[in-house]
Amino acid sequence: MKFNIEHLAKLARLDLNEEEKEKFASEVKKILDFVAQLNEADTTGVEPVAHAINISDVKRSDEAKNHAAESLKDELLKAAPQKQGDFIKVKSVFEK
C-alpha cells in the first residue's frame, strides 16, 4: 500500500525532520504490512464480535419513580449541609 509520509504528518499536525520522516515511514509501512497480512486470513464462517470474550452490560431498568415534589424538596433540604428557610445556603461567588 502506498502512502505519503508528508501528507500523514500534515494530517496529524506533526512537524517532522528528515530523520523522523524516515523512521515513521518505516514504522507505518510495518503496520500496513501487518494489516495486509491480517486481511489475508480466512474468516469465512466467523461471526463478527465486539469483544474477544462473551460479555454483556448489566443495566438497570429505566423506570420513572413517582416522588411528590414536597417530599423530594424535604429530602434535599435534609441532605444539605447548611440551609436557610426553604433554601440551601452556599458560599458567595461574588465579591461584595
PDB file of N, CA and C in Angstrom:
ATOM      1  N   MET A   1       0.849  -1.177   0.000  1.00  0.00           N
ATOM      2  CA  MET A   1       0.000   0.000   0.000  1.00  0.00           C
ATOM      3  C   MET A   1       0.891   1.236   0.000  1.00  0.00           C
ATOM      4  N   LYS A   2       0.575   2.170  -0.858  1.00  0.00           N
ATOM      5  CA  LYS A   2       1.365   3.397  -0.936  1.00  0.00           C
ATOM      6  C   LYS A   2       0.816   4.432   0.027  1.00  0.00           C
ATOM      7  N   PHE A   3       1.719   5.203   0.581  1.00  0.00           N
ATOM      8  CA  PHE A   3       1.328   6.308   1.437  1.00  0.00           C
ATOM      9  C   PHE A   3       2.383   7.402   1.322  1.00  0.00           C
ATOM     10  N   ASN A   4       1.985   8.586   1.657  1.00  0.00           N
ATOM     11  CA  ASN A   4       2.876   9.743   1.610  1.00  0.00           C
ATOM     12  C   ASN A   4       3.080  10.210   3.042  1.00  0.00           C
ATOM     13  N   ILE A   5       4.305  10.027   3.566  1.00  0.00           N
ATOM     14  CA  ILE A   5       4.564  10.351   4.967  1.00  0.00           C
ATOM     15  C   ILE A   5       4.380  11.838   5.241  1.00  0.00           C
ATOM     16  N   GLU A   6       4.687  12.703   4.276  1.00  0.00           N
ATOM     17  CA  GLU A   6       4.482  14.145   4.484  1.00  0.00           C
ATOM     18  C   GLU A   6       2.997  14.462   4.649  1.00  0.00           C
ATOM     19  N   HIS A   7       2.162  13.796   3.838  1.00  0.00           N
ATOM     20  CA  HIS A   7       0.715  14.016   3.934  1.00  0.00           C
ATOM     21  C   HIS A   7       0.185  13.507   5.279  1.00  0.00           C
ATOM     22  N   LEU A   8       0.650  12.326   5.709  1.00  0.00           N
ATOM     23  CA  LEU A   8       0.229  11.798   7.005  1.00  0.00           C
ATOM     24  C   LEU A   8       0.666  12.718   8.149  1.00  0.00           C
ATOM     25  N   ALA A   9       1.888  13.236   8.058  1.00  0.00           N
ATOM     26  CA  ALA A   9       2.390  14.143   9.094  1.00  0.00           C
ATOM     27  C   ALA A   9       1.564  15.426   9.125  1.00  0.00           C
ATOM     28  N   LYS A  10       1.189  15.906   7.960  1.00  0.00           N
ATOM     29  CA  LYS A  10       0.376  17.132   7.897  1.00  0.00           C
ATOM     30  C   LYS A  10      -1.003  16.879   8.518  1.00  0.00           C
ATOM     31  N   LEU A  11      -1.602  15.731   8.203  1.00  0.00           N
ATOM     32  CA  LEU A  11      -2.906  15.398   8.779  1.00  0.00           C
ATOM     33  C   LEU A  11      -2.833  15.269  10.301  1.00  0.00           C
ATOM     34  N   ALA A  12      -1.704  14.744  10.799  1.00  0.00           N
ATOM     35  CA  ALA A  12      -1.523  14.575  12.239  1.00  0.00           C
ATOM     36  C   ALA A  12      -0.954  15.834  12.886  1.00  0.00           C
ATOM     37  N   ARG A  13      -0.749  16.857  12.075  1.00  0.00           N
ATOM     38  CA  ARG A  13      -0.177  18.130  12.547  1.00  0.00           C
ATOM     39  C   ARG A  13       1.168  17.908  13.235  1.00  0.00           C
ATOM     40  N   LEU A  14       2.022  17.101  12.579  1.00  0.00           N
ATOM     41  CA  LEU A  14       3.367  16.839  13.079  1.00  0.00           C
ATOM     42  C   LEU A  14       4.375  17.539  12.193  1.00  0.00           C
ATOM     43  N   ASP A  15       5.334  18.175  12.818  1.00  0.00           N
ATOM     44  CA  ASP A  15       6.420  18.823  12.081  1.00  0.00           C
ATOM     45  C   ASP A  15       7.633  17.904  12.198  1.00  0.00           C
ATOM     46  N   LEU A  16       7.864  17.085  11.163  1.00  0.00           N
ATOM     47  CA  LEU A  16       8.920  16.082  11.215  1.00  0.00           C
ATOM     48  C   LEU A  16      10.138  16.516  10.432  1.00  0.00           C
ATOM     49  N   ASN A  17      11.329  16.213  10.973  1.00  0.00           N
ATOM     50  CA  ASN A  17      12.547  16.437  10.194  1.00  0.00           C
ATOM     51  C   ASN A  17      12.781  15.200   9.327  1.00  0.00           C
ATOM     52  N   GLU A  18      13.819  15.227   8.509  1.00  0.00           N
ATOM     53  CA  GLU A  18      14.050  14.133   7.554  1.00  0.00           C
ATOM     54  C   GLU A  18      14.284  12.799   8.257  1.00  0.00           C
ATOM     55  N   GLU A  19      15.026  12.824   9.366  1.00  0.00           N
ATOM     56  CA  GLU A  19      15.299  11.592  10.103  1.00  0.00           C
ATOM     57  C   GLU A  19      14.007  10.995  10.661  1.00  0.00           C
ATOM     58  N   GLU A  20      13.143  11.856  11.207  1.00  0.00           N
ATOM     59  CA  GLU A  20      11.865  11.390  11.747  1.00  0.00           C
ATOM     60  C   GLU A  20      10.947  10.883  10.639  1.00  0.00           C
ATOM     61  N   LYS A  21      10.988  11.534   9.478  1.00  0.00           N
ATOM     62  CA  LYS A  21      10.166  11.071   8.351  1.00  0.00           C
ATOM     63  C   LYS A  21      10.552   9.667   7.945  1.00  0.00           C
ATOM     64  N   GLU A  22      11.860   9.382   7.885  1.00  0.00           N
ATOM     65  CA  GLU A  22      12.323   8.047   7.512  1.00  0.00           C
ATOM     66  C   GLU A  22      11.897   7.015   8.567  1.00  0.00           C
ATOM     67  N   LYS A  23      12.052   7.388   9.851  1.00  0.00           N
ATOM     68  CA  LYS A  23      11.694   6.480  10.937  1.00  0.00           C
ATOM     69  C   LYS A  23      10.206   6.162  10.908  1.00  0.00           C
ATOM     70  N   PHE A  24       9.367   7.203  10.829  1.00  0.00           N
ATOM     71  CA  PHE A  24       7.923   6.991  10.847  1.00  0.00           C
ATOM     72  C   PHE A  24       7.430   6.312   9.571  1.00  0.00           C
ATOM     73  N   ALA A  25       8.061   6.592   8.436  1.00  0.00           N
ATOM     74  CA  ALA A  25       7.680   5.922   7.190  1.00  0.00           C
ATOM     75  C   ALA A  25       7.917   4.419   7.328  1.00  0.00           C
ATOM     76  N   SER A  26       9.035   4.052   7.948  1.00  0.00           N
ATOM     77  CA  SER A  26       9.349   2.638   8.162  1.00  0.00           C
ATOM     78  C   SER A  26       8.326   1.998   9.093  1.00  0.00           C
ATOM     79  N   GLU A  27       7.967   2.701  10.174  1.00  0.00           N
ATOM     80  CA  GLU A  27       7.011   2.158  11.132  1.00  0.00           C
ATOM     81  C   GLU A  27       5.611   2.030  10.534  1.00  0.00           C
ATOM     82  N   VAL A  28       5.185   3.030   9.762  1.00  0.00           N
ATOM     83  CA  VAL A  28       3.872   2.976   9.120  1.00  0.00           C
ATOM     84  C   VAL A  28       3.837   1.837   8.110  1.00  0.00           C
ATOM     85  N   LYS A  29       4.923   1.637   7.379  1.00  0.00           N
ATOM     86  CA  LYS A  29       4.992   0.542   6.409  1.00  0.00           C
ATOM     87  C   LYS A  29       4.844  -0.803   7.119  1.00  0.00           C
ATOM     88  N   LYS A  30       5.513  -0.970   8.278  1.00  0.00           N
ATOM     89  CA  LYS A  30       5.396  -2.225   9.034  1.00  0.00           C
ATOM     90  C   LYS A  30       3.943  -2.452   9.485  1.00  0.00           C
ATOM     91  N   ILE A  31       3.303  -1.386   9.929  1.00  0.00           N
ATOM     92  CA  ILE A  31       1.908  -1.501  10.387  1.00  0.00           C
ATOM     93  C   ILE A  31       1.006  -1.886   9.223  1.00  0.00           C
ATOM     94  N   LEU A  32       1.173  -1.219   8.091  1.00  0.00           N
ATOM     95  CA  LEU A  32       0.332  -1.510   6.928  1.00  0.00           C
ATOM     96  C   LEU A  32       0.585  -2.919   6.398  1.00  0.00           C
ATOM     97  N   ASP A  33       1.842  -3.380   6.440  1.00  0.00           N
ATOM     98  CA  ASP A  33       2.150  -4.746   6.021  1.00  0.00           C
ATOM     99  C   ASP A  33       1.473  -5.761   6.941  1.00  0.00           C
ATOM    100  N   PHE A  34       1.447  -5.466   8.251  1.00  0.00           N
ATOM    101  CA  PHE A  34       0.794  -6.369   9.199  1.00  0.00           C
ATOM    102  C   PHE A  34      -0.705  -6.404   8.964  1.00  0.00           C
ATOM    103  N   VAL A  35      -1.311  -5.249   8.688  1.00  0.00           N
ATOM    104  CA  VAL A  35      -2.746  -5.196   8.408  1.00  0.00           C
ATOM    105  C   VAL A  35      -3.053  -5.978   7.130  1.00  0.00           C
ATOM    106  N   ALA A  36      -2.195  -5.852   6.130  1.00  0.00           N
ATOM    107  CA  ALA A  36      -2.382  -6.613   4.890  1.00  0.00           C
ATOM    108  C   ALA A  36      -2.297  -8.110   5.170  1.00  0.00           C
ATOM    109  N   GLN A  37      -1.392  -8.496   6.052  1.00  0.00           N
ATOM    110  CA  GLN A  37      -1.264  -9.906   6.432  1.00  0.00           C
ATOM    111  C   GLN A  37      -2.527 -10.380   7.147  1.00  0.00           C
ATOM    112  N   LEU A  38      -3.084  -9.548   8.009  1.00  0.00           N
ATOM    113  CA  LEU A  38      -4.330  -9.906   8.696  1.00  0.00           C
ATOM    114  C   LEU A  38      -5.484 -10.035   7.712  1.00  0.00           C
ATOM    115  N   ASN A  39      -5.503  -9.181   6.694  1.00  0.00           N
ATOM    116  CA  ASN A  39      -6.570  -9.228   5.695  1.00  0.00           C
ATOM    117  C   ASN A  39      -6.549 -10.522   4.887  1.00  0.00           C
ATOM    118  N   GLU A  40      -5.412 -11.199   4.849  1.00  0.00           N
ATOM    119  CA  GLU A  40      -5.303 -12.443   4.097  1.00  0.00           C
ATOM    120  C   GLU A  40      -5.870 -13.642   4.871  1.00  0.00           C
ATOM    121  N   ALA A  41      -6.120 -13.473   6.157  1.00  0.00           N
ATOM    122  CA  ALA A  41      -6.624 -14.583   6.980  1.00  0.00           C
ATOM    123  C   ALA A  41      -8.032 -14.963   6.524  1.00  0.00           C
ATOM    124  N   ASP A  42      -8.290 -16.280   6.502  1.00  0.00           N
ATOM    125  CA  ASP A  42      -9.601 -16.784   6.103  1.00  0.00           C
ATOM    126  C   ASP A  42     -10.566 -16.642   7.275  1.00  0.00           C
ATOM    127  N   THR A  43     -11.570 -15.810   7.106  1.00  0.00           N
ATOM    128  CA  THR A  43     -12.538 -15.569   8.183  1.00  0.00           C
ATOM    129  C   THR A  43     -13.941 -16.024   7.797  1.00  0.00           C
ATOM    130  N   THR A  44     -14.043 -16.895   6.817  1.00  0.00           N
ATOM    131  CA  THR A  44     -15.360 -17.382   6.430  1.00  0.00           C
ATOM    132  C   THR A  44     -15.955 -18.188   7.570  1.00  0.00           C
ATOM    133  N   GLY A  45     -17.199 -17.934   7.882  1.00  0.00           N
ATOM    134  CA  GLY A  45     -17.887 -18.637   8.947  1.00  0.00           C
ATOM    135  C   GLY A  45     -17.623 -18.063  10.330  1.00  0.00           C
ATOM    136  N   VAL A  46     -16.815 -17.016  10.423  1.00  0.00           N
ATOM    137  CA  VAL A  46     -16.529 -16.407  11.719  1.00  0.00           C
ATOM    138  C   VAL A  46     -17.452 -15.205  11.889  1.00  0.00           C
ATOM    139  N   GLU A  47     -18.230 -15.235  12.959  1.00  0.00           N
ATOM    140  CA  GLU A  47     -19.151 -14.129  13.196  1.00  0.00           C
ATOM    141  C   GLU A  47     -18.397 -12.938  13.781  1.00  0.00           C
ATOM    142  N   PRO A  48     -18.744 -11.717  13.339  1.00  0.00           N
ATOM    143  CA  PRO A  48     -18.096 -10.540  13.918  1.00  0.00           C
ATOM    144  C   PRO A  48     -18.485 -10.381  15.385  1.00  0.00           C
ATOM    145  N   VAL A  49     -17.532  -9.960  16.204  1.00  0.00           N
ATOM    146  CA  VAL A  49     -17.779  -9.748  17.624  1.00  0.00           C
ATOM    147  C   VAL A  49     -17.221  -8.398  18.040  1.00  0.00           C
ATOM    148  N   ALA A  50     -17.760  -7.883  19.127  1.00  0.00           N
ATOM    149  CA  ALA A  50     -17.258  -6.613  19.653  1.00  0.00           C
ATOM    150  C   ALA A  50     -16.155  -6.851  20.676  1.00  0.00           C
ATOM    151  N   HIS A  51     -16.143  -8.037  21.309  1.00  0.00           N
ATOM    152  CA  HIS A  51     -15.152  -8.359  22.331  1.00  0.00           C
ATOM    153  C   HIS A  51     -14.620  -9.761  22.087  1.00  0.00           C
ATOM    154  N   ALA A  52     -13.423 -10.011  22.553  1.00  0.00           N
ATOM    155  CA  ALA A  52     -12.829 -11.332  22.392  1.00  0.00           C
ATOM    156  C   ALA A  52     -13.499 -12.366  23.279  1.00  0.00           C
ATOM    157  N   ILE A  53     -14.087 -11.917  24.389  1.00  0.00           N
ATOM    158  CA  ILE A  53     -14.791 -12.832  25.277  1.00  0.00           C
ATOM    159  C   ILE A  53     -16.253 -12.437  25.325  1.00  0.00           C
ATOM    160  N   ASN A  54     -17.089 -13.363  25.714  1.00  0.00           N
ATOM    161  CA  ASN A  54     -18.524 -13.105  25.749  1.00  0.00           C
ATOM    162  C   ASN A  54     -18.867 -12.315  27.015  1.00  0.00           C
ATOM    163  N   ILE A  55     -19.122 -11.019  26.858  1.00  0.00           N
ATOM    164  CA  ILE A  55     -19.515 -10.192  27.992  1.00  0.00           C
ATOM    165  C   ILE A  55     -20.802  -9.457  27.642  1.00  0.00           C
ATOM    166  N   SER A  56     -21.499  -9.030  28.668  1.00  0.00           N
ATOM    167  CA  SER A  56     -22.699  -8.245  28.417  1.00  0.00           C
ATOM    168  C   SER A  56     -22.795  -7.149  29.462  1.00  0.00           C
ATOM    169  N   ASP A  57     -23.455  -6.077  29.108  1.00  0.00           N
ATOM    170  CA  ASP A  57     -23.631  -4.965  30.029  1.00  0.00           C
ATOM    171  C   ASP A  57     -24.730  -5.290  31.027  1.00  0.00           C
ATOM    172  N   VAL A  58     -24.509  -4.865  32.240  1.00  0.00           N
ATOM    173  CA  VAL A  58     -25.529  -5.004  33.261  1.00  0.00           C
ATOM    174  C   VAL A  58     -26.225  -3.659  33.343  1.00  0.00           C
ATOM    175  N   LYS A  59     -27.497  -3.667  33.058  1.00  0.00           N
ATOM    176  CA  LYS A  59     -28.252  -2.417  33.016  1.00  0.00           C
ATOM    177  C   LYS A  59     -29.438  -2.511  33.954  1.00  0.00           C
ATOM    178  N   ARG A  60     -29.744  -1.400  34.563  1.00  0.00           N
ATOM    179  CA  ARG A  60     -30.939  -1.358  35.394  1.00  0.00           C
ATOM    180  C   ARG A  60     -32.120  -0.981  34.506  1.00  0.00           C
ATOM    181  N   SER A  61     -33.288  -1.321  34.942  1.00  0.00           N
ATOM    182  CA  SER A  61     -34.464  -0.947  34.165  1.00  0.00           C
ATOM    183  C   SER A  61     -34.674   0.564  34.276  1.00  0.00           C
ATOM    184  N   ASP A  62     -35.139   1.152  33.226  1.00  0.00           N
ATOM    185  CA  ASP A  62     -35.353   2.595  33.173  1.00  0.00           C
ATOM    186  C   ASP A  62     -36.793   2.883  33.560  1.00  0.00           C
ATOM    187  N   GLU A  63     -36.993   3.075  34.857  1.00  0.00           N
ATOM    188  CA  GLU A  63     -38.340   3.303  35.353  1.00  0.00           C
ATOM    189  C   GLU A  63     -38.405   4.655  36.050  1.00  0.00           C
ATOM    190  N   ALA A  64     -39.458   5.385  35.782  1.00  0.00           N
ATOM    191  CA  ALA A  64     -39.671   6.668  36.455  1.00  0.00           C
ATOM    192  C   ALA A  64     -40.179   6.404  37.851  1.00  0.00           C
ATOM    193  N   LYS A  65     -39.607   7.106  38.816  1.00  0.00           N
ATOM    194  CA  LYS A  65     -40.078   6.967  40.186  1.00  0.00           C
ATOM    195  C   LYS A  65     -40.971   8.150  40.493  1.00  0.00           C
ATOM    196  N   ASN A  66     -42.073   7.887  41.114  1.00  0.00           N
ATOM    197  CA  ASN A  66     -43.049   8.924  41.408  1.00  0.00           C
ATOM    198  C   ASN A  66     -42.758   9.520  42.783  1.00  0.00           C
ATOM    199  N   HIS A  67     -42.122  10.680  42.792  1.00  0.00           N
ATOM    200  CA  HIS A  67     -41.862  11.393  44.038  1.00  0.00           C
ATOM    201  C   HIS A  67     -42.765  12.609  44.087  1.00  0.00           C
ATOM    202  N   ALA A  68     -43.346  12.819  45.201  1.00  0.00           N
ATOM    203  CA  ALA A  68     -44.122  14.045  45.376  1.00  0.00           C
ATOM    204  C   ALA A  68     -43.117  15.185  45.504  1.00  0.00           C
ATOM    205  N   ALA A  69     -43.415  16.315  44.891  1.00  0.00           N
ATOM    206  CA  ALA A  69     -42.488  17.450  44.871  1.00  0.00           C
ATOM    207  C   ALA A  69     -42.113  17.893  46.275  1.00  0.00           C
ATOM    208  N   GLU A  70     -43.054  17.931  47.185  1.00  0.00           N
ATOM    209  CA  GLU A  70     -42.776  18.383  48.549  1.00  0.00           C
ATOM    210  C   GLU A  70     -41.850  17.421  49.277  1.00  0.00           C
ATOM    211  N   SER A  71     -42.080  16.108  49.133  1.00  0.00           N
ATOM    212  CA  SER A  71     -41.227  15.152  49.832  1.00  0.00           C
ATOM    213  C   SER A  71     -39.813  15.165  49.256  1.00  0.00           C
ATOM    214  N   LEU A  72     -39.683  15.376  47.952  1.00  0.00           N
ATOM    215  CA  LEU A  72     -38.373  15.461  47.322  1.00  0.00           C
ATOM    216  C   LEU A  72     -37.632  16.697  47.829  1.00  0.00           C
ATOM    217  N   LYS A  73     -38.346  17.821  47.917  1.00  0.00           N
ATOM    218  CA  LYS A  73     -37.742  19.046  48.428  1.00  0.00           C
ATOM    219  C   LYS A  73     -37.281  18.842  49.863  1.00  0.00           C
ATOM    220  N   ASP A  74     -38.093  18.196  50.671  1.00  0.00           N
ATOM    221  CA  ASP A  74     -37.732  17.941  52.067  1.00  0.00           C
ATOM    222  C   ASP A  74     -36.503  17.042  52.163  1.00  0.00           C
ATOM    223  N   GLU A  75     -36.414  16.014  51.314  1.00  0.00           N
ATOM    224  CA  GLU A  75     -35.258  15.121  51.311  1.00  0.00           C
ATOM    225  C   GLU A  75     -33.990  15.884  50.948  1.00  0.00           C
ATOM    226  N   LEU A  76     -34.088  16.755  49.942  1.00  0.00           N
ATOM    227  CA  LEU A  76     -32.927  17.533  49.530  1.00  0.00           C
ATOM    228  C   LEU A  76     -32.483  18.492  50.628  1.00  0.00           C
ATOM    229  N   LEU A  77     -33.427  19.134  51.277  1.00  0.00           N
ATOM    230  CA  LEU A  77     -33.083  20.059  52.355  1.00  0.00           C
ATOM    231  C   LEU A  77     -32.465  19.331  53.552  1.00  0.00           C
ATOM    232  N   LYS A  78     -32.902  18.115  53.825  1.00  0.00           N
ATOM    233  CA  LYS A  78     -32.310  17.333  54.908  1.00  0.00           C
ATOM    234  C   LYS A  78     -30.848  17.007  54.602  1.00  0.00           C
ATOM    235  N   ALA A  79     -30.539  16.772  53.346  1.00  0.00           N
ATOM    236  CA  ALA A  79     -29.184  16.380  52.947  1.00  0.00           C
ATOM    237  C   ALA A  79     -28.236  17.572  52.838  1.00  0.00           C
ATOM    238  N   ALA A  80     -28.768  18.786  52.776  1.00  0.00           N
ATOM    239  CA  ALA A  80     -27.930  19.974  52.603  1.00  0.00           C
ATOM    240  C   ALA A  80     -27.133  20.251  53.876  1.00  0.00           C
ATOM    241  N   PRO A  81     -25.845  20.595  53.744  1.00  0.00           N
ATOM    242  CA  PRO A  81     -25.048  20.875  54.929  1.00  0.00           C
ATOM    243  C   PRO A  81     -25.508  22.138  55.665  1.00  0.00           C
ATOM    244  N   GLN A  82     -25.940  23.152  54.913  1.00  0.00           N
ATOM    245  CA  GLN A  82     -26.456  24.377  55.524  1.00  0.00           C
ATOM    246  C   GLN A  82     -27.722  24.786  54.788  1.00  0.00           C
ATOM    247  N   LYS A  83     -28.680  25.280  55.540  1.00  0.00           N
ATOM    248  CA  LYS A  83     -29.907  25.741  54.897  1.00  0.00           C
ATOM    249  C   LYS A  83     -30.409  26.983  55.616  1.00  0.00           C
ATOM    250  N   GLN A  84     -31.203  27.735  54.897  1.00  0.00           N
ATOM    251  CA  GLN A  84     -31.809  28.940  55.456  1.00  0.00           C
ATOM    252  C   GLN A  84     -33.255  28.944  54.976  1.00  0.00           C
ATOM    253  N   GLY A  85     -34.162  28.624  55.875  1.00  0.00           N
ATOM    254  CA  GLY A  85     -35.560  28.513  55.491  1.00  0.00           C
ATOM    255  C   GLY A  85     -35.743  27.339  54.555  1.00  0.00           C
ATOM    256  N   ASP A  86     -36.351  27.589  53.400  1.00  0.00           N
ATOM    257  CA  ASP A  86     -36.563  26.544  52.393  1.00  0.00           C
ATOM    258  C   ASP A  86     -35.475  26.544  51.311  1.00  0.00           C
ATOM    259  N   PHE A  87     -34.302  27.122  51.627  1.00  0.00           N
ATOM    260  CA  PHE A  87     -33.244  27.238  50.633  1.00  0.00           C
ATOM    261  C   PHE A  87     -31.949  26.609  51.145  1.00  0.00           C
ATOM    262  N   ILE A  88     -31.139  26.131  50.211  1.00  0.00           N
ATOM    263  CA  ILE A  88     -29.820  25.607  50.548  1.00  0.00           C
ATOM    264  C   ILE A  88     -28.865  26.793  50.565  1.00  0.00           C
ATOM    265  N   LYS A  89     -28.103  26.932  51.653  1.00  0.00           N
ATOM    266  CA  LYS A  89     -27.177  28.046  51.806  1.00  0.00           C
ATOM    267  C   LYS A  89     -25.824  27.635  51.221  1.00  0.00           C
ATOM    268  N   VAL A  90     -25.288  28.471  50.330  1.00  0.00           N
ATOM    269  CA  VAL A  90     -23.995  28.201  49.704  1.00  0.00           C
ATOM    270  C   VAL A  90     -23.092  29.404  49.882  1.00  0.00           C
ATOM    271  N   LYS A  91     -21.789  29.201  49.638  1.00  0.00           N
ATOM    272  CA  LYS A  91     -20.843  30.308  49.737  1.00  0.00           C
ATOM    273  C   LYS A  91     -21.104  31.288  48.602  1.00  0.00           C
ATOM    274  N   SER A  92     -20.821  32.545  48.873  1.00  0.00           N
ATOM    275  CA  SER A  92     -20.988  33.594  47.876  1.00  0.00           C
ATOM    276  C   SER A  92     -19.946  33.405  46.759  1.00  0.00           C
ATOM    277  N   VAL A  93     -20.357  33.631  45.538  1.00  0.00           N
ATOM    278  CA  VAL A  93     -19.424  33.526  44.418  1.00  0.00           C
ATOM    279  C   VAL A  93     -19.004  34.895  43.902  1.00  0.00           C
ATOM    280  N   PHE A  94     -19.605  35.928  44.403  1.00  0.00           N
ATOM    281  CA  PHE A  94     -19.286  37.294  44.004  1.00  0.00           C
ATOM    282  C   PHE A  94     -18.672  38.037  45.183  1.00  0.00           C
ATOM    283  N   GLU A  95     -17.761  38.933  44.876  1.00  0.00           N
ATOM    284  CA  GLU A  95     -17.196  39.763  45.934  1.00  0.00           C
ATOM    285  C   GLU A  95     -18.161  40.885  46.244  1.00  0.00           C
ATOM    286  N   LYS A  96     -18.196  41.284  47.523  1.00  0.00           N
ATOM    287  CA  LYS A  96     -19.100  42.354  47.930  1.00  0.00           C
ATOM    288  C   LYS A  96     -18.399  43.673  47.853  1.00  0.00           C
TER     289      LYS A  96
END
